[in-house]
């Protein structure tokens, strides 16, 4: 579970930061690094202004390519990660509570 779960939740958290930046700026770019944070971690793919650099690992960081950010933009970018993580947690909780758990009880 840790081998898949930790990198996946890290990726979702970092996407939240990137989403906050993309939604609050006109031309800001976000680079999400999972695993290795160095320049040797080449870009795997991009979706819009979000560039993904993924090597299998636990840690992650979202780097921003924006000259100056207002305080409001910085706040949106900062809270984007925890908000998306919390939303993902609630979605998984309700999915397991209302779909998986009754299915298991029905089978057993």
PDB file of N, CA and C in Angstrom:
ATOM      1  N   UNK A   1       0.818  -1.191   0.000  1.00  0.00           N
ATOM      2  CA  UNK A   1       0.000   0.000   0.000  1.00  0.00           C
ATOM      3  C   UNK A   1       0.866   1.262   0.000  1.00  0.00           C
ATOM      4  N   UNK A   2       1.958   1.243   0.782  1.00  0.00           N
ATOM      5  CA  UNK A   2       2.831   2.408   0.839  1.00  0.00           C
ATOM      6  C   UNK A   2       3.556   2.651  -0.475  1.00  0.00           C
ATOM      7  N   UNK A   3       3.873   1.591  -1.181  1.00  0.00           N
ATOM      8  CA  UNK A   3       4.636   1.720  -2.422  1.00  0.00           C
ATOM      9  C   UNK A   3       3.830   2.467  -3.479  1.00  0.00           C
ATOM     10  N   UNK A   4       2.536   2.279  -3.500  1.00  0.00           N
ATOM     11  CA  UNK A   4       1.680   2.956  -4.472  1.00  0.00           C
ATOM     12  C   UNK A   4       0.999   4.170  -3.838  1.00  0.00           C
ATOM     13  N   UNK A   5       0.536   4.032  -2.611  1.00  0.00           N
ATOM     14  CA  UNK A   5      -0.252   5.072  -1.961  1.00  0.00           C
ATOM     15  C   UNK A   5       0.508   6.353  -1.678  1.00  0.00           C
ATOM     16  N   UNK A   6       1.715   6.256  -1.153  1.00  0.00           N
ATOM     17  CA  UNK A   6       2.470   7.460  -0.804  1.00  0.00           C
ATOM     18  C   UNK A   6       2.828   8.306  -2.024  1.00  0.00           C
ATOM     19  N   UNK A   7       3.403   7.722  -3.085  1.00  0.00           N
ATOM     20  CA  UNK A   7       3.681   8.561  -4.259  1.00  0.00           C
ATOM     21  C   UNK A   7       2.410   9.122  -4.900  1.00  0.00           C
ATOM     22  N   UNK A   8       1.332   8.350  -4.881  1.00  0.00           N
ATOM     23  CA  UNK A   8       0.083   8.815  -5.482  1.00  0.00           C
ATOM     24  C   UNK A   8      -0.502   9.991  -4.696  1.00  0.00           C
ATOM     25  N   UNK A   9      -0.531   9.892  -3.380  1.00  0.00           N
ATOM     26  CA  UNK A   9      -1.059  11.000  -2.584  1.00  0.00           C
ATOM     27  C   UNK A   9      -0.139  12.222  -2.648  1.00  0.00           C
ATOM     28  N   UNK A  10       1.156  11.996  -2.759  1.00  0.00           N
ATOM     29  CA  UNK A  10       2.086  13.113  -2.938  1.00  0.00           C
ATOM     30  C   UNK A  10       1.822  13.812  -4.262  1.00  0.00           C
ATOM     31  N   UNK A  11       1.612  13.034  -5.315  1.00  0.00           N
ATOM     32  CA  UNK A  11       1.313  13.606  -6.628  1.00  0.00           C
ATOM     33  C   UNK A  11       0.018  14.424  -6.585  1.00  0.00           C
ATOM     34  N   UNK A  12      -1.008  13.904  -5.952  1.00  0.00           N
ATOM     35  CA  UNK A  12      -2.284  14.617  -5.853  1.00  0.00           C
ATOM     36  C   UNK A  12      -2.112  15.923  -5.074  1.00  0.00           C
ATOM     37  N   UNK A  13      -1.341  15.881  -3.994  1.00  0.00           N
ATOM     38  CA  UNK A  13      -1.089  17.082  -3.195  1.00  0.00           C
ATOM     39  C   UNK A  13      -0.367  18.148  -4.025  1.00  0.00           C
ATOM     40  N   UNK A  14       0.662  17.737  -4.750  1.00  0.00           N
ATOM     41  CA  UNK A  14       1.429  18.687  -5.563  1.00  0.00           C
ATOM     42  C   UNK A  14       0.594  19.225  -6.726  1.00  0.00           C
ATOM     43  N   UNK A  15      -0.298  18.411  -7.282  1.00  0.00           N
ATOM     44  CA  UNK A  15      -1.208  18.884  -8.323  1.00  0.00           C
ATOM     45  C   UNK A  15      -2.109  19.988  -7.759  1.00  0.00           C
ATOM     46  N   UNK A  16      -2.479  19.864  -6.492  1.00  0.00           N
ATOM     47  CA  UNK A  16      -3.271  20.915  -5.848  1.00  0.00           C
ATOM     48  C   UNK A  16      -2.542  22.245  -5.813  1.00  0.00           C
ATOM     49  N   UNK A  17      -1.241  22.223  -5.474  1.00  0.00           N
ATOM     50  CA  UNK A  17      -0.451  23.455  -5.501  1.00  0.00           C
ATOM     51  C   UNK A  17      -0.392  24.021  -6.922  1.00  0.00           C
ATOM     52  N   UNK A  18      -0.131  23.149  -7.892  1.00  0.00           N
ATOM     53  CA  UNK A  18      -0.034  23.594  -9.283  1.00  0.00           C
ATOM     54  C   UNK A  18      -1.365  24.150  -9.774  1.00  0.00           C
ATOM     55  N   UNK A  19      -2.456  23.513  -9.392  1.00  0.00           N
ATOM     56  CA  UNK A  19      -3.785  23.973  -9.789  1.00  0.00           C
ATOM     57  C   UNK A  19      -4.076  25.361  -9.212  1.00  0.00           C
ATOM     58  N   UNK A  20      -3.654  25.593  -7.976  1.00  0.00           N
ATOM     59  CA  UNK A  20      -3.813  26.916  -7.372  1.00  0.00           C
ATOM     60  C   UNK A  20      -3.059  27.985  -8.141  1.00  0.00           C
ATOM     61  N   UNK A  21      -1.851  27.657  -8.600  1.00  0.00           N
ATOM     62  CA  UNK A  21      -1.059  28.608  -9.374  1.00  0.00           C
ATOM     63  C   UNK A  21      -1.691  28.868 -10.735  1.00  0.00           C
ATOM     64  N   UNK A  22      -2.075  27.812 -11.424  1.00  0.00           N
ATOM     65  CA  UNK A  22      -2.638  27.956 -12.769  1.00  0.00           C
ATOM     66  C   UNK A  22      -3.963  28.719 -12.733  1.00  0.00           C
ATOM     67  N   UNK A  23      -4.761  28.486 -11.718  1.00  0.00           N
ATOM     68  CA  UNK A  23      -6.059  29.175 -11.618  1.00  0.00           C
ATOM     69  C   UNK A  23      -5.925  30.639 -11.232  1.00  0.00           C
ATOM     70  N   UNK A  24      -4.854  30.996 -10.548  1.00  0.00           N
ATOM     71  CA  UNK A  24      -4.732  32.374 -10.064  1.00  0.00           C
ATOM     72  C   UNK A  24      -3.824  33.247 -10.925  1.00  0.00           C
ATOM     73  N   UNK A  25      -3.171  32.682 -11.926  1.00  0.00           N
ATOM     74  CA  UNK A  25      -2.288  33.472 -12.787  1.00  0.00           C
ATOM     75  C   UNK A  25      -2.663  33.282 -14.250  1.00  0.00           C
ATOM     76  N   UNK A  26      -2.228  34.222 -15.071  1.00  0.00           N
ATOM     77  CA  UNK A  26      -2.509  34.126 -16.501  1.00  0.00           C
ATOM     78  C   UNK A  26      -1.465  33.312 -17.247  1.00  0.00           C
ATOM     79  N   UNK A  27      -0.213  33.397 -16.833  1.00  0.00           N
ATOM     80  CA  UNK A  27       0.835  32.704 -17.574  1.00  0.00           C
ATOM     81  C   UNK A  27       1.843  31.976 -16.688  1.00  0.00           C
ATOM     82  N   UNK A  28       1.527  31.784 -15.428  1.00  0.00           N
ATOM     83  CA  UNK A  28       2.438  31.052 -14.546  1.00  0.00           C
ATOM     84  C   UNK A  28       2.501  29.578 -14.909  1.00  0.00           C
ATOM     85  N   UNK A  29       3.677  28.992 -14.786  1.00  0.00           N
ATOM     86  CA  UNK A  29       3.867  27.568 -15.063  1.00  0.00           C
ATOM     87  C   UNK A  29       4.271  26.860 -13.785  1.00  0.00           C
ATOM     88  N   UNK A  30       3.796  25.640 -13.642  1.00  0.00           N
ATOM     89  CA  UNK A  30       4.137  24.830 -12.469  1.00  0.00           C
ATOM     90  C   UNK A  30       4.871  23.583 -12.932  1.00  0.00           C
ATOM     91  N   UNK A  31       5.896  23.211 -12.213  1.00  0.00           N
ATOM     92  CA  UNK A  31       6.641  21.984 -12.482  1.00  0.00           C
ATOM     93  C   UNK A  31       6.538  21.097 -11.248  1.00  0.00           C
ATOM     94  N   UNK A  32       5.964  19.935 -11.439  1.00  0.00           N
ATOM     95  CA  UNK A  32       5.793  18.990 -10.336  1.00  0.00           C
ATOM     96  C   UNK A  32       6.892  17.944 -10.429  1.00  0.00           C
ATOM     97  N   UNK A  33       7.661  17.834  -9.356  1.00  0.00           N
ATOM     98  CA  UNK A  33       8.729  16.841  -9.262  1.00  0.00           C
ATOM     99  C   UNK A  33       8.326  15.794  -8.234  1.00  0.00           C
ATOM    100  N   UNK A  34       8.325  14.541  -8.640  1.00  0.00           N
ATOM    101  CA  UNK A  34       8.084  13.430  -7.712  1.00  0.00           C
ATOM    102  C   UNK A  34       9.328  12.559  -7.755  1.00  0.00           C
ATOM    103  N   UNK A  35       9.859  12.251  -6.580  1.00  0.00           N
ATOM    104  CA  UNK A  35      11.077  11.439  -6.501  1.00  0.00           C
ATOM    105  C   UNK A  35      12.295  12.326  -6.447  1.00  0.00           C
ATOM    106  N   UNK A  36      12.972  12.484  -7.568  1.00  0.00           N
ATOM    107  CA  UNK A  36      14.202  13.259  -7.666  1.00  0.00           C
ATOM    108  C   UNK A  36      13.865  14.709  -8.019  1.00  0.00           C
ATOM    109  N   UNK A  37      14.398  15.661  -7.228  1.00  0.00           N
ATOM    110  CA  UNK A  37      14.093  17.072  -7.446  1.00  0.00           C
ATOM    111  C   UNK A  37      15.132  17.784  -8.291  1.00  0.00           C
ATOM    112  N   UNK A  38      16.155  17.082  -8.754  1.00  0.00           N
ATOM    113  CA  UNK A  38      17.245  17.728  -9.479  1.00  0.00           C
ATOM    114  C   UNK A  38      16.900  17.904 -10.953  1.00  0.00           C
ATOM    115  N   UNK A  39      17.785  18.583 -11.659  1.00  0.00           N
ATOM    116  CA  UNK A  39      17.589  18.816 -13.086  1.00  0.00           C
ATOM    117  C   UNK A  39      17.731  17.539 -13.908  1.00  0.00           C
ATOM    118  N   UNK A  40      18.275  16.486 -13.307  1.00  0.00           N
ATOM    119  CA  UNK A  40      18.397  15.215 -14.039  1.00  0.00           C
ATOM    120  C   UNK A  40      17.037  14.526 -14.213  1.00  0.00           C
ATOM    121  N   UNK A  41      16.049  14.954 -13.437  1.00  0.00           N
ATOM    122  CA  UNK A  41      14.697  14.419 -13.570  1.00  0.00           C
ATOM    123  C   UNK A  41      14.015  15.149 -14.720  1.00  0.00           C
ATOM    124  N   UNK A  42      14.044  14.553 -15.898  1.00  0.00           N
ATOM    125  CA  UNK A  42      13.516  15.183 -17.110  1.00  0.00           C
ATOM    126  C   UNK A  42      11.989  15.163 -17.123  1.00  0.00           C
ATOM    127  N   UNK A  43      11.429  16.060 -17.914  1.00  0.00           N
ATOM    128  CA  UNK A  43       9.978  16.170 -18.017  1.00  0.00           C
ATOM    129  C   UNK A  43       9.398  14.939 -18.703  1.00  0.00           C
ATOM    130  N   UNK A  44       8.386  14.317 -18.065  1.00  0.00           N
ATOM    131  CA  UNK A  44       7.715  13.153 -18.636  1.00  0.00           C
ATOM    132  C   UNK A  44       6.573  13.568 -19.558  1.00  0.00           C
ATOM    133  N   UNK A  45       5.757  14.507 -19.096  1.00  0.00           N
ATOM    134  CA  UNK A  45       4.636  14.996 -19.888  1.00  0.00           C
ATOM    135  C   UNK A  45       4.141  16.305 -19.285  1.00  0.00           C
ATOM    136  N   UNK A  46       3.246  16.965 -19.998  1.00  0.00           N
ATOM    137  CA  UNK A  46       2.662  18.194 -19.459  1.00  0.00           C
ATOM    138  C   UNK A  46       1.185  18.227 -19.806  1.00  0.00           C
ATOM    139  N   UNK A  47       0.440  18.883 -18.945  1.00  0.00           N
ATOM    140  CA  UNK A  47      -0.984  19.121 -19.162  1.00  0.00           C
ATOM    141  C   UNK A  47      -1.185  20.622 -18.989  1.00  0.00           C
ATOM    142  N   UNK A  48      -1.393  21.306 -20.095  1.00  0.00           N
ATOM    143  CA  UNK A  48      -1.526  22.750 -20.045  1.00  0.00           C
ATOM    144  C   UNK A  48      -0.249  23.396 -19.545  1.00  0.00           C
ATOM    145  N   UNK A  49      -0.356  24.149 -18.468  1.00  0.00           N
ATOM    146  CA  UNK A  49       0.812  24.827 -17.895  1.00  0.00           C
ATOM    147  C   UNK A  49       1.430  24.056 -16.736  1.00  0.00           C
ATOM    148  N   UNK A  50       1.030  22.818 -16.570  1.00  0.00           N
ATOM    149  CA  UNK A  50       1.587  21.977 -15.505  1.00  0.00           C
ATOM    150  C   UNK A  50       2.504  20.932 -16.150  1.00  0.00           C
ATOM    151  N   UNK A  51       3.766  20.962 -15.770  1.00  0.00           N
ATOM    152  CA  UNK A  51       4.773  20.049 -16.303  1.00  0.00           C
ATOM    153  C   UNK A  51       5.105  19.009 -15.231  1.00  0.00           C
ATOM    154  N   UNK A  52       5.139  17.750 -15.629  1.00  0.00           N
ATOM    155  CA  UNK A  52       5.353  16.652 -14.684  1.00  0.00           C
ATOM    156  C   UNK A  52       6.733  16.040 -14.889  1.00  0.00           C
ATOM    157  N   UNK A  53       7.489  15.935 -13.796  1.00  0.00           N
ATOM    158  CA  UNK A  53       8.803  15.293 -13.767  1.00  0.00           C
ATOM    159  C   UNK A  53       8.698  14.176 -12.723  1.00  0.00           C
ATOM    160  N   UNK A  54       8.453  12.963 -13.175  1.00  0.00           N
ATOM    161  CA  UNK A  54       8.134  11.887 -12.233  1.00  0.00           C
ATOM    162  C   UNK A  54       9.143  10.761 -12.334  1.00  0.00           C
ATOM    163  N   UNK A  55       9.778  10.488 -11.207  1.00  0.00           N
ATOM    164  CA  UNK A  55      10.606   9.302 -10.993  1.00  0.00           C
ATOM    165  C   UNK A  55      10.016   8.656  -9.748  1.00  0.00           C
ATOM    166  N   UNK A  56       9.941   7.345  -9.701  1.00  0.00           N
ATOM    167  CA  UNK A  56       9.295   6.679  -8.577  1.00  0.00           C
ATOM    168  C   UNK A  56       9.968   7.064  -7.275  1.00  0.00           C
ATOM    169  N   UNK A  57       9.213   7.693  -6.387  1.00  0.00           N
ATOM    170  CA  UNK A  57       9.741   8.095  -5.099  1.00  0.00           C
ATOM    171  C   UNK A  57       8.627   8.620  -4.212  1.00  0.00           C
ATOM    172  N   UNK A  58       8.979   8.910  -2.981  1.00  0.00           N
ATOM    173  CA  UNK A  58       7.983   9.315  -1.996  1.00  0.00           C
ATOM    174  C   UNK A  58       7.826  10.833  -1.942  1.00  0.00           C
ATOM    175  N   UNK A  59       8.911  11.569  -2.007  1.00  0.00           N
ATOM    176  CA  UNK A  59       8.851  13.017  -1.852  1.00  0.00           C
ATOM    177  C   UNK A  59       8.405  13.720  -3.107  1.00  0.00           C
ATOM    178  N   UNK A  60       7.927  14.944  -2.935  1.00  0.00           N
ATOM    179  CA  UNK A  60       7.503  15.732  -4.074  1.00  0.00           C
ATOM    180  C   UNK A  60       7.606  17.213  -3.792  1.00  0.00           C
ATOM    181  N   UNK A  61       7.679  17.978  -4.875  1.00  0.00           N
ATOM    182  CA  UNK A  61       7.735  19.434  -4.756  1.00  0.00           C
ATOM    183  C   UNK A  61       7.105  20.036  -6.006  1.00  0.00           C
ATOM    184  N   UNK A  62       6.499  21.186  -5.838  1.00  0.00           N
ATOM    185  CA  UNK A  62       5.925  21.924  -6.958  1.00  0.00           C
ATOM    186  C   UNK A  62       6.696  23.235  -7.064  1.00  0.00           C
ATOM    187  N   UNK A  63       7.427  23.399  -8.166  1.00  0.00           N
ATOM    188  CA  UNK A  63       8.193  24.624  -8.395  1.00  0.00           C
ATOM    189  C   UNK A  63       7.406  25.502  -9.353  1.00  0.00           C
ATOM    190  N   UNK A  64       7.484  26.812  -9.131  1.00  0.00           N
ATOM    191  CA  UNK A  64       6.695  27.754  -9.905  1.00  0.00           C
ATOM    192  C   UNK A  64       7.587  28.569 -10.814  1.00  0.00           C
ATOM    193  N   UNK A  65       7.118  28.816 -12.012  1.00  0.00           N
ATOM    194  CA  UNK A  65       7.798  29.711 -12.938  1.00  0.00           C
ATOM    195  C   UNK A  65       6.936  30.951 -13.095  1.00  0.00           C
ATOM    196  N   UNK A  66       7.115  31.864 -12.175  1.00  0.00           N
ATOM    197  CA  UNK A  66       6.349  33.111 -12.176  1.00  0.00           C
ATOM    198  C   UNK A  66       7.242  34.155 -11.550  1.00  0.00           C
ATOM    199  N   UNK A  67       7.373  35.308 -12.195  1.00  0.00           N
ATOM    200  CA  UNK A  67       8.267  36.343 -11.682  1.00  0.00           C
ATOM    201  C   UNK A  67       7.810  36.874 -10.330  1.00  0.00           C
ATOM    202  N   UNK A  68       6.618  37.432 -10.304  1.00  0.00           N
ATOM    203  CA  UNK A  68       6.114  37.994  -9.052  1.00  0.00           C
ATOM    204  C   UNK A  68       4.696  37.505  -8.838  1.00  0.00           C
ATOM    205  N   UNK A  69       4.416  37.167  -7.600  1.00  0.00           N
ATOM    206  CA  UNK A  69       3.070  36.730  -7.237  1.00  0.00           C
ATOM    207  C   UNK A  69       2.517  37.700  -6.205  1.00  0.00           C
ATOM    208  N   UNK A  70       1.236  37.999  -6.325  1.00  0.00           N
ATOM    209  CA  UNK A  70       0.582  38.803  -5.289  1.00  0.00           C
ATOM    210  C   UNK A  70       0.380  37.915  -4.062  1.00  0.00           C
ATOM    211  N   UNK A  71       0.046  38.528  -2.959  1.00  0.00           N
ATOM    212  CA  UNK A  71      -0.202  37.742  -1.750  1.00  0.00           C
ATOM    213  C   UNK A  71      -1.379  36.795  -1.945  1.00  0.00           C
ATOM    214  N   UNK A  72      -2.404  37.264  -2.641  1.00  0.00           N
ATOM    215  CA  UNK A  72      -3.574  36.425  -2.902  1.00  0.00           C
ATOM    216  C   UNK A  72      -3.193  35.200  -3.742  1.00  0.00           C
ATOM    217  N   UNK A  73      -2.373  35.400  -4.776  1.00  0.00           N
ATOM    218  CA  UNK A  73      -1.929  34.284  -5.606  1.00  0.00           C
ATOM    219  C   UNK A  73      -1.075  33.314  -4.798  1.00  0.00           C
ATOM    220  N   UNK A  74      -0.227  33.840  -3.940  1.00  0.00           N
ATOM    221  CA  UNK A  74       0.614  32.982  -3.105  1.00  0.00           C
ATOM    222  C   UNK A  74      -0.229  32.151  -2.138  1.00  0.00           C
ATOM    223  N   UNK A  75      -1.268  32.769  -1.576  1.00  0.00           N
ATOM    224  CA  UNK A  75      -2.149  32.040  -0.654  1.00  0.00           C
ATOM    225  C   UNK A  75      -2.895  30.936  -1.390  1.00  0.00           C
ATOM    226  N   UNK A  76      -3.440  31.246  -2.577  1.00  0.00           N
ATOM    227  CA  UNK A  76      -4.150  30.223  -3.349  1.00  0.00           C
ATOM    228  C   UNK A  76      -3.230  29.064  -3.727  1.00  0.00           C
ATOM    229  N   UNK A  77      -2.015  29.388  -4.111  1.00  0.00           N
ATOM    230  CA  UNK A  77      -1.062  28.348  -4.484  1.00  0.00           C
ATOM    231  C   UNK A  77      -0.676  27.505  -3.269  1.00  0.00           C
ATOM    232  N   UNK A  78      -0.511  28.141  -2.134  1.00  0.00           N
ATOM    233  CA  UNK A  78      -0.103  27.432  -0.925  1.00  0.00           C
ATOM    234  C   UNK A  78      -1.207  26.518  -0.397  1.00  0.00           C
ATOM    235  N   UNK A  79      -2.443  27.002  -0.355  1.00  0.00           N
ATOM    236  CA  UNK A  79      -3.513  26.181   0.218  1.00  0.00           C
ATOM    237  C   UNK A  79      -4.095  25.178  -0.783  1.00  0.00           C
ATOM    238  N   UNK A  80      -3.700  25.296  -2.053  1.00  0.00           N
ATOM    239  CA  UNK A  80      -4.209  24.365  -3.064  1.00  0.00           C
ATOM    240  C   UNK A  80      -3.870  22.915  -2.751  1.00  0.00           C
ATOM    241  N   UNK A  81      -2.650  22.657  -2.292  1.00  0.00           N
ATOM    242  CA  UNK A  81      -2.229  21.284  -1.976  1.00  0.00           C
ATOM    243  C   UNK A  81      -3.048  20.647  -0.866  1.00  0.00           C
ATOM    244  N   UNK A  82      -3.143  21.282   0.305  1.00  0.00           N
ATOM    245  CA  UNK A  82      -3.958  20.703   1.372  1.00  0.00           C
ATOM    246  C   UNK A  82      -5.439  20.585   1.024  1.00  0.00           C
ATOM    247  N   UNK A  83      -5.970  21.552   0.279  1.00  0.00           N
ATOM    248  CA  UNK A  83      -7.392  21.481  -0.092  1.00  0.00           C
ATOM    249  C   UNK A  83      -7.673  20.290  -1.005  1.00  0.00           C
ATOM    250  N   UNK A  84      -6.832  20.078  -2.003  1.00  0.00           N
ATOM    251  CA  UNK A  84      -7.024  18.943  -2.906  1.00  0.00           C
ATOM    252  C   UNK A  84      -6.814  17.629  -2.151  1.00  0.00           C
ATOM    253  N   UNK A  85      -5.844  17.595  -1.236  1.00  0.00           N
ATOM    254  CA  UNK A  85      -5.624  16.390  -0.426  1.00  0.00           C
ATOM    255  C   UNK A  85      -6.851  16.076   0.429  1.00  0.00           C
ATOM    256  N   UNK A  86      -7.427  17.095   1.055  1.00  0.00           N
ATOM    257  CA  UNK A  86      -8.623  16.888   1.878  1.00  0.00           C
ATOM    258  C   UNK A  86      -9.799  16.444   1.021  1.00  0.00           C
ATOM    259  N   UNK A  87      -9.983  17.058  -0.135  1.00  0.00           N
ATOM    260  CA  UNK A  87     -11.061  16.667  -1.039  1.00  0.00           C
ATOM    261  C   UNK A  87     -10.910  15.214  -1.482  1.00  0.00           C
ATOM    262  N   UNK A  88      -9.704  14.825  -1.829  1.00  0.00           N
ATOM    263  CA  UNK A  88      -9.422  13.444  -2.229  1.00  0.00           C
ATOM    264  C   UNK A  88      -9.709  12.475  -1.077  1.00  0.00           C
ATOM    265  N   UNK A  89      -9.368  12.868   0.142  1.00  0.00           N
ATOM    266  CA  UNK A  89      -9.637  12.037   1.315  1.00  0.00           C
ATOM    267  C   UNK A  89     -11.134  11.827   1.503  1.00  0.00           C
ATOM    268  N   UNK A  90     -11.928  12.896   1.409  1.00  0.00           N
ATOM    269  CA  UNK A  90     -13.382  12.773   1.547  1.00  0.00           C
ATOM    270  C   UNK A  90     -13.989  11.916   0.439  1.00  0.00           C
ATOM    271  N   UNK A  91     -13.507  12.085  -0.783  1.00  0.00           N
ATOM    272  CA  UNK A  91     -14.014  11.277  -1.898  1.00  0.00           C
ATOM    273  C   UNK A  91     -13.735   9.798  -1.653  1.00  0.00           C
ATOM    274  N   UNK A  92     -12.512   9.478  -1.243  1.00  0.00           N
ATOM    275  CA  UNK A  92     -12.179   8.073  -0.953  1.00  0.00           C
ATOM    276  C   UNK A  92     -12.990   7.529   0.216  1.00  0.00           C
ATOM    277  N   UNK A  93     -13.181   8.341   1.250  1.00  0.00           N
ATOM    278  CA  UNK A  93     -13.951   7.906   2.408  1.00  0.00           C
ATOM    279  C   UNK A  93     -15.378   7.540   1.996  1.00  0.00           C
ATOM    280  N   UNK A  94     -16.030   8.429   1.250  1.00  0.00           N
ATOM    281  CA  UNK A  94     -17.403   8.152   0.829  1.00  0.00           C
ATOM    282  C   UNK A  94     -17.477   6.997  -0.161  1.00  0.00           C
ATOM    283  N   UNK A  95     -16.490   6.874  -1.033  1.00  0.00           N
ATOM    284  CA  UNK A  95     -16.460   5.772  -1.982  1.00  0.00           C
ATOM    285  C   UNK A  95     -16.375   4.429  -1.246  1.00  0.00           C
ATOM    286  N   UNK A  96     -15.460   4.341  -0.284  1.00  0.00           N
ATOM    287  CA  UNK A  96     -15.323   3.085   0.460  1.00  0.00           C
ATOM    288  C   UNK A  96     -16.513   2.847   1.382  1.00  0.00           C
ATOM    289  N   UNK A  97     -17.055   3.912   1.973  1.00  0.00           N
ATOM    290  CA  UNK A  97     -18.176   3.746   2.899  1.00  0.00           C
ATOM    291  C   UNK A  97     -19.455   3.301   2.213  1.00  0.00           C
ATOM    292  N   UNK A  98     -19.739   3.864   1.047  1.00  0.00           N
ATOM    293  CA  UNK A  98     -21.027   3.618   0.409  1.00  0.00           C
ATOM    294  C   UNK A  98     -21.000   2.601  -0.731  1.00  0.00           C
ATOM    295  N   UNK A  99     -19.819   2.285  -1.264  1.00  0.00           N
ATOM    296  CA  UNK A  99     -19.759   1.346  -2.383  1.00  0.00           C
ATOM    297  C   UNK A  99     -18.982   0.073  -2.052  1.00  0.00           C
ATOM    298  N   UNK A 100     -17.793   0.225  -1.546  1.00  0.00           N
ATOM    299  CA  UNK A 100     -16.938  -0.947  -1.306  1.00  0.00           C
ATOM    300  C   UNK A 100     -17.398  -1.728  -0.083  1.00  0.00           C
ATOM    301  N   UNK A 101     -17.645  -1.051   1.030  1.00  0.00           N
ATOM    302  CA  UNK A 101     -18.047  -1.738   2.262  1.00  0.00           C
ATOM    303  C   UNK A 101     -19.361  -2.503   2.088  1.00  0.00           C
ATOM    304  N   UNK A 102     -20.419  -1.920   1.506  1.00  0.00           N
ATOM    305  CA  UNK A 102     -21.646  -2.717   1.283  1.00  0.00           C
ATOM    306  C   UNK A 102     -21.426  -3.885   0.323  1.00  0.00           C
ATOM    307  N   UNK A 103     -20.561  -3.701  -0.665  1.00  0.00           N
ATOM    308  CA  UNK A 103     -20.265  -4.776  -1.595  1.00  0.00           C
ATOM    309  C   UNK A 103     -19.580  -5.940  -0.880  1.00  0.00           C
ATOM    310  N   UNK A 104     -18.644  -5.634  -0.013  1.00  0.00           N
ATOM    311  CA  UNK A 104     -17.954  -6.683   0.750  1.00  0.00           C
ATOM    312  C   UNK A 104     -18.932  -7.375   1.693  1.00  0.00           C
ATOM    313  N   UNK A 105     -19.797  -6.610   2.359  1.00  0.00           N
ATOM    314  CA  UNK A 105     -20.788  -7.211   3.246  1.00  0.00           C
ATOM    315  C   UNK A 105     -21.779  -8.095   2.474  1.00  0.00           C
ATOM    316  N   UNK A 106     -22.127  -7.683   1.264  1.00  0.00           N
ATOM    317  CA  UNK A 106     -23.029  -8.473   0.445  1.00  0.00           C
ATOM    318  C   UNK A 106     -22.391  -9.809   0.025  1.00  0.00           C
ATOM    319  N   UNK A 107     -21.104  -9.738  -0.344  1.00  0.00           N
ATOM    320  CA  UNK A 107     -20.398 -10.949  -0.785  1.00  0.00           C
ATOM    321  C   UNK A 107     -20.169 -11.896   0.376  1.00  0.00           C
ATOM    322  N   UNK A 108     -19.813 -11.356   1.534  1.00  0.00           N
ATOM    323  CA  UNK A 108     -19.540 -12.223   2.690  1.00  0.00           C
ATOM    324  C   UNK A 108     -20.833 -12.616   3.338  1.00  0.00           C
TER     325      UNK A 108
END
